[in-house]
Amino acid sequence: MYSMRITKLILLTAAIAALAACNKGKTDNNKTLTFNGRIWPKGTTSYSYGTHLVFIDKFTWYVVESTSLTLDSYNGDSVTVVLKDMGIGGNPELYNVISIIPR
């Protein structure tokens, strides 16, 4: 009887942990961010997605691509960008550039 309770408790704990893990990595696809930064081609990296990086400061940068804009036109430029989370849940996350304005 006592071992049956322990078994049920273990199974319940495992089920809760599995359900909690299902939500991990999901992102809000409506999330947008607006930043001033400098845009550069991504070059060779350990991750295979994105075409460019937007550097906000020395320690903050975002992996980006655009489905509607030609980002190469802004290489090295200081820009204001509006980014939309692509929802891939990777590390680093991928953002779509939906607006870019030279500064």
C-alpha atoms as a PDB file:
ATOM      1  CA  MET A   1       0.000   0.000   0.000  1.00  0.00           C
ATOM      2  CA  TYR A   2       2.804   2.408   0.963  1.00  0.00           C
ATOM      3  CA  SER A   3       4.829   1.574  -2.175  1.00  0.00           C
ATOM      4  CA  MET A   4       1.702   2.081  -4.320  1.00  0.00           C
ATOM      5  CA  ARG A   5       1.379   5.657  -3.001  1.00  0.00           C
ATOM      6  CA  ILE A   6       5.035   6.349  -3.724  1.00  0.00           C
ATOM      7  CA  THR A   7       4.652   4.968  -7.248  1.00  0.00           C
ATOM      8  CA  LYS A   8       1.590   7.173  -7.855  1.00  0.00           C
ATOM      9  CA  LEU A   9       3.422  10.210  -6.492  1.00  0.00           C
ATOM     10  CA  ILE A  10       6.413   9.535  -8.765  1.00  0.00           C
ATOM     11  CA  LEU A  11       4.148   9.111 -11.814  1.00  0.00           C
ATOM     12  CA  LEU A  12       2.228  12.292 -10.981  1.00  0.00           C
ATOM     13  CA  THR A  13       5.475  14.242 -10.564  1.00  0.00           C
ATOM     14  CA  ALA A  14       6.800  12.916 -13.877  1.00  0.00           C
ATOM     15  CA  ALA A  15       3.546  13.852 -15.654  1.00  0.00           C
ATOM     16  CA  ILE A  16       3.658  17.406 -14.262  1.00  0.00           C
ATOM     17  CA  ALA A  17       7.303  17.781 -15.288  1.00  0.00           C
ATOM     18  CA  ALA A  18       6.515  16.528 -18.808  1.00  0.00           C
ATOM     19  CA  LEU A  19       3.624  18.980 -19.182  1.00  0.00           C
ATOM     20  CA  ALA A  20       5.754  21.870 -17.941  1.00  0.00           C
ATOM     21  CA  ALA A  21       8.468  20.998 -20.467  1.00  0.00           C
ATOM     22  CA  CYS A  22       5.947  21.117 -23.323  1.00  0.00           C
ATOM     23  CA  ASN A  23       5.603  24.893 -22.921  1.00  0.00           C
ATOM     24  CA  LYS A  24       9.332  25.491 -22.689  1.00  0.00           C
ATOM     25  CA  GLY A  25      10.804  27.122 -25.790  1.00  0.00           C
ATOM     26  CA  LYS A  26       7.486  28.390 -27.126  1.00  0.00           C
ATOM     27  CA  THR A  27       7.535  32.075 -27.920  1.00  0.00           C
ATOM     28  CA  ASP A  28       4.967  34.773 -28.488  1.00  0.00           C
ATOM     29  CA  ASN A  29       5.022  35.251 -32.274  1.00  0.00           C
ATOM     30  CA  ASN A  30       3.459  38.693 -31.873  1.00  0.00           C
ATOM     31  CA  LYS A  31       6.377  40.044 -29.850  1.00  0.00           C
ATOM     32  CA  THR A  32       8.127  42.961 -31.534  1.00  0.00           C
ATOM     33  CA  LEU A  33      11.212  44.853 -30.409  1.00  0.00           C
ATOM     34  CA  THR A  34      12.476  48.259 -31.551  1.00  0.00           C
ATOM     35  CA  PHE A  35      16.166  49.127 -31.243  1.00  0.00           C
ATOM     36  CA  ASN A  36      18.834  51.484 -32.450  1.00  0.00           C
ATOM     37  CA  GLY A  37      21.905  49.556 -33.505  1.00  0.00           C
ATOM     38  CA  ARG A  38      24.308  48.645 -36.268  1.00  0.00           C
ATOM     39  CA  ILE A  39      23.595  45.861 -38.773  1.00  0.00           C
ATOM     40  CA  TRP A  40      26.238  43.485 -40.129  1.00  0.00           C
ATOM     41  CA  PRO A  41      26.220  40.319 -42.268  1.00  0.00           C
ATOM     42  CA  LYS A  42      26.248  37.241 -40.041  1.00  0.00           C
ATOM     43  CA  GLY A  43      29.253  35.517 -41.575  1.00  0.00           C
ATOM     44  CA  THR A  44      30.296  32.095 -40.284  1.00  0.00           C
ATOM     45  CA  THR A  45      28.691  31.080 -36.980  1.00  0.00           C
ATOM     46  CA  SER A  46      27.808  27.941 -35.068  1.00  0.00           C
ATOM     47  CA  TYR A  47      24.096  28.356 -35.908  1.00  0.00           C
ATOM     48  CA  SER A  48      22.731  28.012 -39.433  1.00  0.00           C
ATOM     49  CA  TYR A  49      19.854  30.498 -39.429  1.00  0.00           C
ATOM     50  CA  GLY A  50      19.635  34.234 -39.995  1.00  0.00           C
ATOM     51  CA  THR A  51      21.502  36.393 -42.481  1.00  0.00           C
ATOM     52  CA  HIS A  52      22.587  39.364 -40.359  1.00  0.00           C
ATOM     53  CA  LEU A  53      23.332  40.496 -36.816  1.00  0.00           C
ATOM     54  CA  VAL A  54      22.049  43.687 -35.236  1.00  0.00           C
ATOM     55  CA  PHE A  55      24.427  44.962 -32.565  1.00  0.00           C
ATOM     56  CA  ILE A  56      22.778  47.125 -29.925  1.00  0.00           C
ATOM     57  CA  ASP A  57      25.916  47.495 -27.823  1.00  0.00           C
ATOM     58  CA  LYS A  58      29.118  45.579 -27.121  1.00  0.00           C
ATOM     59  CA  PHE A  59      27.270  42.775 -25.306  1.00  0.00           C
ATOM     60  CA  THR A  60      23.804  42.758 -26.918  1.00  0.00           C
ATOM     61  CA  TRP A  61      23.059  41.516 -30.423  1.00  0.00           C
ATOM     62  CA  TYR A  62      20.248  39.797 -32.312  1.00  0.00           C
ATOM     63  CA  VAL A  63      20.245  37.264 -35.152  1.00  0.00           C
ATOM     64  CA  VAL A  64      17.968  38.566 -37.896  1.00  0.00           C
ATOM     65  CA  GLU A  65      16.745  38.000 -41.404  1.00  0.00           C
ATOM     66  CA  SER A  66      14.013  39.658 -43.432  1.00  0.00           C
ATOM     67  CA  THR A  67      11.277  38.200 -45.558  1.00  0.00           C
ATOM     68  CA  SER A  68      10.565  41.550 -47.228  1.00  0.00           C
ATOM     69  CA  LEU A  69      13.646  43.824 -46.967  1.00  0.00           C
ATOM     70  CA  THR A  70      17.125  43.684 -48.498  1.00  0.00           C
ATOM     71  CA  LEU A  71      19.338  43.920 -45.415  1.00  0.00           C
ATOM     72  CA  ASP A  72      22.603  43.998 -47.396  1.00  0.00           C
ATOM     73  CA  SER A  73      21.734  47.581 -48.370  1.00  0.00           C
ATOM     74  CA  TYR A  74      22.313  48.577 -44.719  1.00  0.00           C
ATOM     75  CA  ASN A  75      25.534  46.647 -43.956  1.00  0.00           C
ATOM     76  CA  GLY A  76      27.589  48.610 -41.419  1.00  0.00           C
ATOM     77  CA  ASP A  77      24.941  51.312 -41.054  1.00  0.00           C
ATOM     78  CA  SER A  78      23.527  52.694 -37.838  1.00  0.00           C
ATOM     79  CA  VAL A  79      19.799  51.931 -38.024  1.00  0.00           C
ATOM     80  CA  THR A  80      16.558  51.779 -36.110  1.00  0.00           C
ATOM     81  CA  VAL A  81      15.031  48.324 -36.539  1.00  0.00           C
ATOM     82  CA  VAL A  82      11.698  46.795 -35.643  1.00  0.00           C
ATOM     83  CA  LEU A  83      12.117  43.067 -35.068  1.00  0.00           C
ATOM     84  CA  LYS A  84       9.455  40.370 -34.860  1.00  0.00           C
ATOM     85  CA  ASP A  85      10.168  37.121 -33.057  1.00  0.00           C
ATOM     86  CA  MET A  86      10.208  34.265 -35.595  1.00  0.00           C
ATOM     87  CA  GLY A  87       9.281  31.773 -32.878  1.00  0.00           C
ATOM     88  CA  ILE A  88      11.954  29.163 -33.600  1.00  0.00           C
ATOM     89  CA  GLY A  89      12.921  29.003 -29.940  1.00  0.00           C
ATOM     90  CA  GLY A  90      16.607  28.550 -30.692  1.00  0.00           C
ATOM     91  CA  ASN A  91      19.549  29.961 -28.869  1.00  0.00           C
ATOM     92  CA  PRO A  92      20.050  32.623 -29.999  1.00  0.00           C
ATOM     93  CA  GLU A  93      16.506  33.434 -31.114  1.00  0.00           C
ATOM     94  CA  LEU A  94      15.788  34.492 -34.690  1.00  0.00           C
ATOM     95  CA  TYR A  95      14.021  37.757 -35.498  1.00  0.00           C
ATOM     96  CA  ASN A  96      12.461  39.022 -38.733  1.00  0.00           C
ATOM     97  CA  VAL A  97      13.287  42.654 -39.563  1.00  0.00           C
ATOM     98  CA  ILE A  98       9.906  44.205 -40.399  1.00  0.00           C
ATOM     99  CA  SER A  99      11.139  47.800 -40.535  1.00  0.00           C
ATOM    100  CA  ILE A 100      14.555  49.416 -40.882  1.00  0.00           C
ATOM    101  CA  ILE A 101      15.342  53.144 -40.877  1.00  0.00           C
ATOM    102  CA  PRO A 102      18.853  54.577 -41.359  1.00  0.00           C
ATOM    103  CA  ARG A 103      19.928  56.892 -38.535  1.00  0.00           C
END
